[in-house]
Amino acid sequence: MPHCFETGWKLENLNPKMIDVEFPFTWIEAMFNASIKMTVSQENHKEVLQVLKELLGPIRLEKGCISCHCYADVESENRFFFREEWRSGEDLGAHLESAHFGVLIGAIKLLTKDPDFRFNTVLSTVETKEFDDVIAARKKPGYF
């Protein structure tokens, strides 16, 4: 049985009345995440950022892409986090062979240090539209 959130509680041990949400949650099957942490010099900042911005749209249109985003570090404007989510390992593999990924690899030559690549398989994710209700319930007096 999947665990609920990151609490370690098993879903079957939760009492739905305790948090006033309807069960069951919607469980999503395995998905694949790819991420790259990168640091760029001030001189190449604008060029790398432009390349990353231009890649977002085309990557999002690739078969199996769930999402693709680029984030800037709030503590250092020269650090970026590029994150993609894919429906299957096959879709991610096709992306890694694509021209878009080739352009991304080309931009890596402009970094000040080696990037940190991560590829993760997410075996299950819980989605709930009632999450706001969960937060509200936790704020009630007497909750735990």
C-alpha atoms as a PDB file:
ATOM      1  CA  MET A   1       0.000   0.000   0.000  1.00  0.00           C
ATOM      2  CA  PRO A   2       1.425   3.432  -0.895  1.00  0.00           C
ATOM      3  CA  HIS A   3       2.355   5.828   1.853  1.00  0.00           C
ATOM      4  CA  CYS A   4       0.504   9.114   2.213  1.00  0.00           C
ATOM      5  CA  PHE A   5       2.618  12.196   1.553  1.00  0.00           C
ATOM      6  CA  GLU A   6       6.040  11.977   3.226  1.00  0.00           C
ATOM      7  CA  THR A   7       4.805  11.270   6.725  1.00  0.00           C
ATOM      8  CA  GLY A   8       5.434   7.533   6.622  1.00  0.00           C
ATOM      9  CA  TRP A   9       1.816   6.870   7.542  1.00  0.00           C
ATOM     10  CA  LYS A  10       0.168   4.123   5.605  1.00  0.00           C
ATOM     11  CA  LEU A  11      -2.939   5.205   3.765  1.00  0.00           C
ATOM     12  CA  GLU A  12      -5.024   2.396   5.241  1.00  0.00           C
ATOM     13  CA  ASN A  13      -4.247   3.737   8.759  1.00  0.00           C
ATOM     14  CA  LEU A  14      -5.646   7.196   8.011  1.00  0.00           C
ATOM     15  CA  ASN A  15      -9.154   7.999   9.101  1.00  0.00           C
ATOM     16  CA  PRO A  16     -10.838  10.127   6.398  1.00  0.00           C
ATOM     17  CA  LYS A  17     -13.002  11.854   9.013  1.00  0.00           C
ATOM     18  CA  MET A  18      -9.834  12.994  10.769  1.00  0.00           C
ATOM     19  CA  ILE A  19      -8.906  15.302   7.899  1.00  0.00           C
ATOM     20  CA  ASP A  20     -12.321  15.899   6.298  1.00  0.00           C
ATOM     21  CA  VAL A  21     -11.375  14.953   2.743  1.00  0.00           C
ATOM     22  CA  GLU A  22     -12.907  12.399   0.479  1.00  0.00           C
ATOM     23  CA  PHE A  23     -10.877   9.283  -0.254  1.00  0.00           C
ATOM     24  CA  PRO A  24      -9.449   7.790  -2.309  1.00  0.00           C
ATOM     25  CA  PHE A  25      -6.805  10.091  -3.631  1.00  0.00           C
ATOM     26  CA  THR A  26      -5.947   9.831  -7.320  1.00  0.00           C
ATOM     27  CA  TRP A  27      -2.732   7.834  -7.660  1.00  0.00           C
ATOM     28  CA  ILE A  28      -0.570   8.447 -10.719  1.00  0.00           C
ATOM     29  CA  GLU A  29       1.693   5.656 -11.946  1.00  0.00           C
ATOM     30  CA  ALA A  30       5.437   5.925 -12.557  1.00  0.00           C
ATOM     31  CA  MET A  31       6.846   9.035 -14.160  1.00  0.00           C
ATOM     32  CA  PHE A  32      10.400  10.005 -15.002  1.00  0.00           C
ATOM     33  CA  ASN A  33      12.116  13.230 -13.949  1.00  0.00           C
ATOM     34  CA  ALA A  34      15.257  14.711 -15.432  1.00  0.00           C
ATOM     35  CA  SER A  35      16.955  17.691 -13.838  1.00  0.00           C
ATOM     36  CA  ILE A  36      20.117  19.682 -14.360  1.00  0.00           C
ATOM     37  CA  LYS A  37      21.638  22.084 -11.833  1.00  0.00           C
ATOM     38  CA  MET A  38      23.970  24.506 -13.555  1.00  0.00           C
ATOM     39  CA  THR A  39      26.160  27.470 -12.713  1.00  0.00           C
ATOM     40  CA  VAL A  40      27.074  29.977 -15.406  1.00  0.00           C
ATOM     41  CA  SER A  41      29.520  32.878 -15.410  1.00  0.00           C
ATOM     42  CA  GLN A  42      28.223  36.442 -15.416  1.00  0.00           C
ATOM     43  CA  GLU A  43      29.635  36.879 -18.935  1.00  0.00           C
ATOM     44  CA  ASN A  44      27.608  33.930 -20.303  1.00  0.00           C
ATOM     45  CA  HIS A  45      24.515  34.444 -18.141  1.00  0.00           C
ATOM     46  CA  LYS A  46      22.410  36.165 -20.805  1.00  0.00           C
ATOM     47  CA  GLU A  47      23.320  33.695 -23.565  1.00  0.00           C
ATOM     48  CA  VAL A  48      22.618  30.583 -21.464  1.00  0.00           C
ATOM     49  CA  LEU A  49      19.347  32.014 -20.167  1.00  0.00           C
ATOM     50  CA  GLN A  50      18.237  32.777 -23.736  1.00  0.00           C
ATOM     51  CA  VAL A  51      19.000  29.206 -24.852  1.00  0.00           C
ATOM     52  CA  LEU A  52      17.102  27.753 -21.883  1.00  0.00           C
ATOM     53  CA  LYS A  53      14.082  29.992 -22.529  1.00  0.00           C
ATOM     54  CA  GLU A  54      14.010  29.018 -26.212  1.00  0.00           C
ATOM     55  CA  LEU A  55      14.097  25.306 -25.390  1.00  0.00           C
ATOM     56  CA  LEU A  56      11.134  25.264 -22.991  1.00  0.00           C
ATOM     57  CA  GLY A  57       8.363  25.470 -25.593  1.00  0.00           C
ATOM     58  CA  PRO A  58       9.732  22.898 -28.047  1.00  0.00           C
ATOM     59  CA  ILE A  59      10.568  20.403 -25.283  1.00  0.00           C
ATOM     60  CA  ARG A  60       7.041  20.743 -23.862  1.00  0.00           C
ATOM     61  CA  LEU A  61       5.698  19.693 -27.282  1.00  0.00           C
ATOM     62  CA  GLU A  62       7.743  16.479 -27.386  1.00  0.00           C
ATOM     63  CA  LYS A  63       5.818  13.217 -27.035  1.00  0.00           C
ATOM     64  CA  GLY A  64       5.418  12.268 -23.379  1.00  0.00           C
ATOM     65  CA  CYS A  65       6.546  15.555 -21.841  1.00  0.00           C
ATOM     66  CA  ILE A  66       4.429  16.312 -18.780  1.00  0.00           C
ATOM     67  CA  SER A  67       6.275  19.513 -17.899  1.00  0.00           C
ATOM     68  CA  CYS A  68       9.497  21.405 -18.516  1.00  0.00           C
ATOM     69  CA  HIS A  69      10.607  24.389 -16.429  1.00  0.00           C
ATOM     70  CA  CYS A  70      13.696  26.429 -15.709  1.00  0.00           C
ATOM     71  CA  TYR A  71      14.203  28.076 -12.326  1.00  0.00           C
ATOM     72  CA  ALA A  72      16.728  30.689 -11.199  1.00  0.00           C
ATOM     73  CA  ASP A  73      18.313  30.430  -7.762  1.00  0.00           C
ATOM     74  CA  VAL A  74      17.091  33.284  -5.553  1.00  0.00           C
ATOM     75  CA  GLU A  75      20.461  33.391  -3.785  1.00  0.00           C
ATOM     76  CA  SER A  76      22.612  33.391  -6.906  1.00  0.00           C
ATOM     77  CA  GLU A  77      21.378  34.694 -10.252  1.00  0.00           C
ATOM     78  CA  ASN A  78      24.033  32.597 -12.021  1.00  0.00           C
ATOM     79  CA  ARG A  79      22.583  29.253 -10.908  1.00  0.00           C
ATOM     80  CA  PHE A  80      19.753  27.571 -12.781  1.00  0.00           C
ATOM     81  CA  PHE A  81      17.692  24.432 -12.253  1.00  0.00           C
ATOM     82  CA  PHE A  82      16.230  22.856 -15.410  1.00  0.00           C
ATOM     83  CA  ARG A  83      13.546  20.250 -14.680  1.00  0.00           C
ATOM     84  CA  GLU A  84      11.542  17.951 -16.948  1.00  0.00           C
ATOM     85  CA  GLU A  85       8.856  15.340 -16.212  1.00  0.00           C
ATOM     86  CA  TRP A  86       8.171  12.484 -18.645  1.00  0.00           C
ATOM     87  CA  ARG A  87       5.360   9.924 -18.917  1.00  0.00           C
ATOM     88  CA  SER A  88       7.685   7.008 -19.643  1.00  0.00           C
ATOM     89  CA  GLY A  89      11.306   5.978 -19.781  1.00  0.00           C
ATOM     90  CA  GLU A  90      10.921   5.560 -23.540  1.00  0.00           C
ATOM     91  CA  ASP A  91       9.753   9.171 -23.891  1.00  0.00           C
ATOM     92  CA  LEU A  92      12.662  10.413 -21.784  1.00  0.00           C
ATOM     93  CA  GLY A  93      15.068   8.272 -23.815  1.00  0.00           C
ATOM     94  CA  ALA A  94      13.742   9.721 -27.085  1.00  0.00           C
ATOM     95  CA  HIS A  95      14.189  13.215 -25.638  1.00  0.00           C
ATOM     96  CA  LEU A  96      17.797  12.473 -24.693  1.00  0.00           C
ATOM     97  CA  GLU A  97      18.399  11.613 -28.371  1.00  0.00           C
ATOM     98  CA  SER A  98      16.600  14.742 -29.627  1.00  0.00           C
ATOM     99  CA  ALA A  99      18.018  17.877 -31.212  1.00  0.00           C
ATOM    100  CA  HIS A 100      16.566  19.890 -28.308  1.00  0.00           C
ATOM    101  CA  PHE A 101      18.636  17.969 -25.787  1.00  0.00           C
ATOM    102  CA  GLY A 102      21.651  18.400 -28.074  1.00  0.00           C
ATOM    103  CA  VAL A 103      21.200  22.185 -27.884  1.00  0.00           C
ATOM    104  CA  LEU A 104      20.981  21.937 -24.095  1.00  0.00           C
ATOM    105  CA  ILE A 105      24.234  19.957 -24.012  1.00  0.00           C
ATOM    106  CA  GLY A 106      25.816  22.618 -26.229  1.00  0.00           C
ATOM    107  CA  ALA A 107      24.849  25.313 -23.719  1.00  0.00           C
ATOM    108  CA  ILE A 108      26.577  23.324 -20.986  1.00  0.00           C
ATOM    109  CA  LYS A 109      29.918  24.241 -22.568  1.00  0.00           C
ATOM    110  CA  LEU A 110      29.283  27.778 -21.300  1.00  0.00           C
ATOM    111  CA  LEU A 111      28.999  26.764 -17.630  1.00  0.00           C
ATOM    112  CA  THR A 112      31.619  27.606 -15.022  1.00  0.00           C
ATOM    113  CA  LYS A 113      31.521  24.117 -13.479  1.00  0.00           C
ATOM    114  CA  ASP A 114      30.217  20.691 -14.423  1.00  0.00           C
ATOM    115  CA  PRO A 115      26.436  20.432 -14.220  1.00  0.00           C
ATOM    116  CA  ASP A 116      24.665  18.092 -11.825  1.00  0.00           C
ATOM    117  CA  PHE A 117      22.429  15.739 -13.870  1.00  0.00           C
ATOM    118  CA  ARG A 118      19.750  13.715 -12.065  1.00  0.00           C
ATOM    119  CA  PHE A 119      17.364  11.147 -13.497  1.00  0.00           C
ATOM    120  CA  ASN A 120      14.678   9.903 -11.115  1.00  0.00           C
ATOM    121  CA  THR A 121      11.836   7.448 -11.393  1.00  0.00           C
ATOM    122  CA  VAL A 122       8.783   8.430  -9.363  1.00  0.00           C
ATOM    123  CA  LEU A 123       6.842   5.260  -8.653  1.00  0.00           C
ATOM    124  CA  SER A 124       3.733   6.920  -7.298  1.00  0.00           C
ATOM    125  CA  THR A 125       2.413  10.384  -6.725  1.00  0.00           C
ATOM    126  CA  VAL A 126      -0.727  11.397  -4.938  1.00  0.00           C
ATOM    127  CA  GLU A 127      -2.860  14.167  -6.387  1.00  0.00           C
ATOM    128  CA  THR A 128      -5.709  15.680  -4.489  1.00  0.00           C
ATOM    129  CA  LYS A 129      -7.841  18.704  -5.135  1.00  0.00           C
ATOM    130  CA  GLU A 130      -8.794  18.608  -1.479  1.00  0.00           C
ATOM    131  CA  PHE A 131      -5.277  19.449  -0.278  1.00  0.00           C
ATOM    132  CA  ASP A 132      -6.465  22.881   0.852  1.00  0.00           C
ATOM    133  CA  ASP A 133      -8.968  21.051   3.075  1.00  0.00           C
ATOM    134  CA  VAL A 134      -6.136  18.999   4.566  1.00  0.00           C
ATOM    135  CA  ILE A 135      -4.192  22.164   5.416  1.00  0.00           C
ATOM    136  CA  ALA A 136      -7.303  23.805   6.878  1.00  0.00           C
ATOM    137  CA  ALA A 137      -8.041  20.715   8.994  1.00  0.00           C
ATOM    138  CA  ARG A 138      -4.507  20.730  10.405  1.00  0.00           C
ATOM    139  CA  LYS A 139      -5.001  24.307  11.567  1.00  0.00           C
ATOM    140  CA  LYS A 140      -8.102  23.382  13.613  1.00  0.00           C
ATOM    141  CA  PRO A 141      -7.691  23.198  17.402  1.00  0.00           C
ATOM    142  CA  GLY A 142      -7.379  19.642  18.630  1.00  0.00           C
ATOM    143  CA  TYR A 143      -5.800  18.244  15.462  1.00  0.00           C
ATOM    144  CA  PHE A 144      -3.123  16.006  16.922  1.00  0.00           C
END
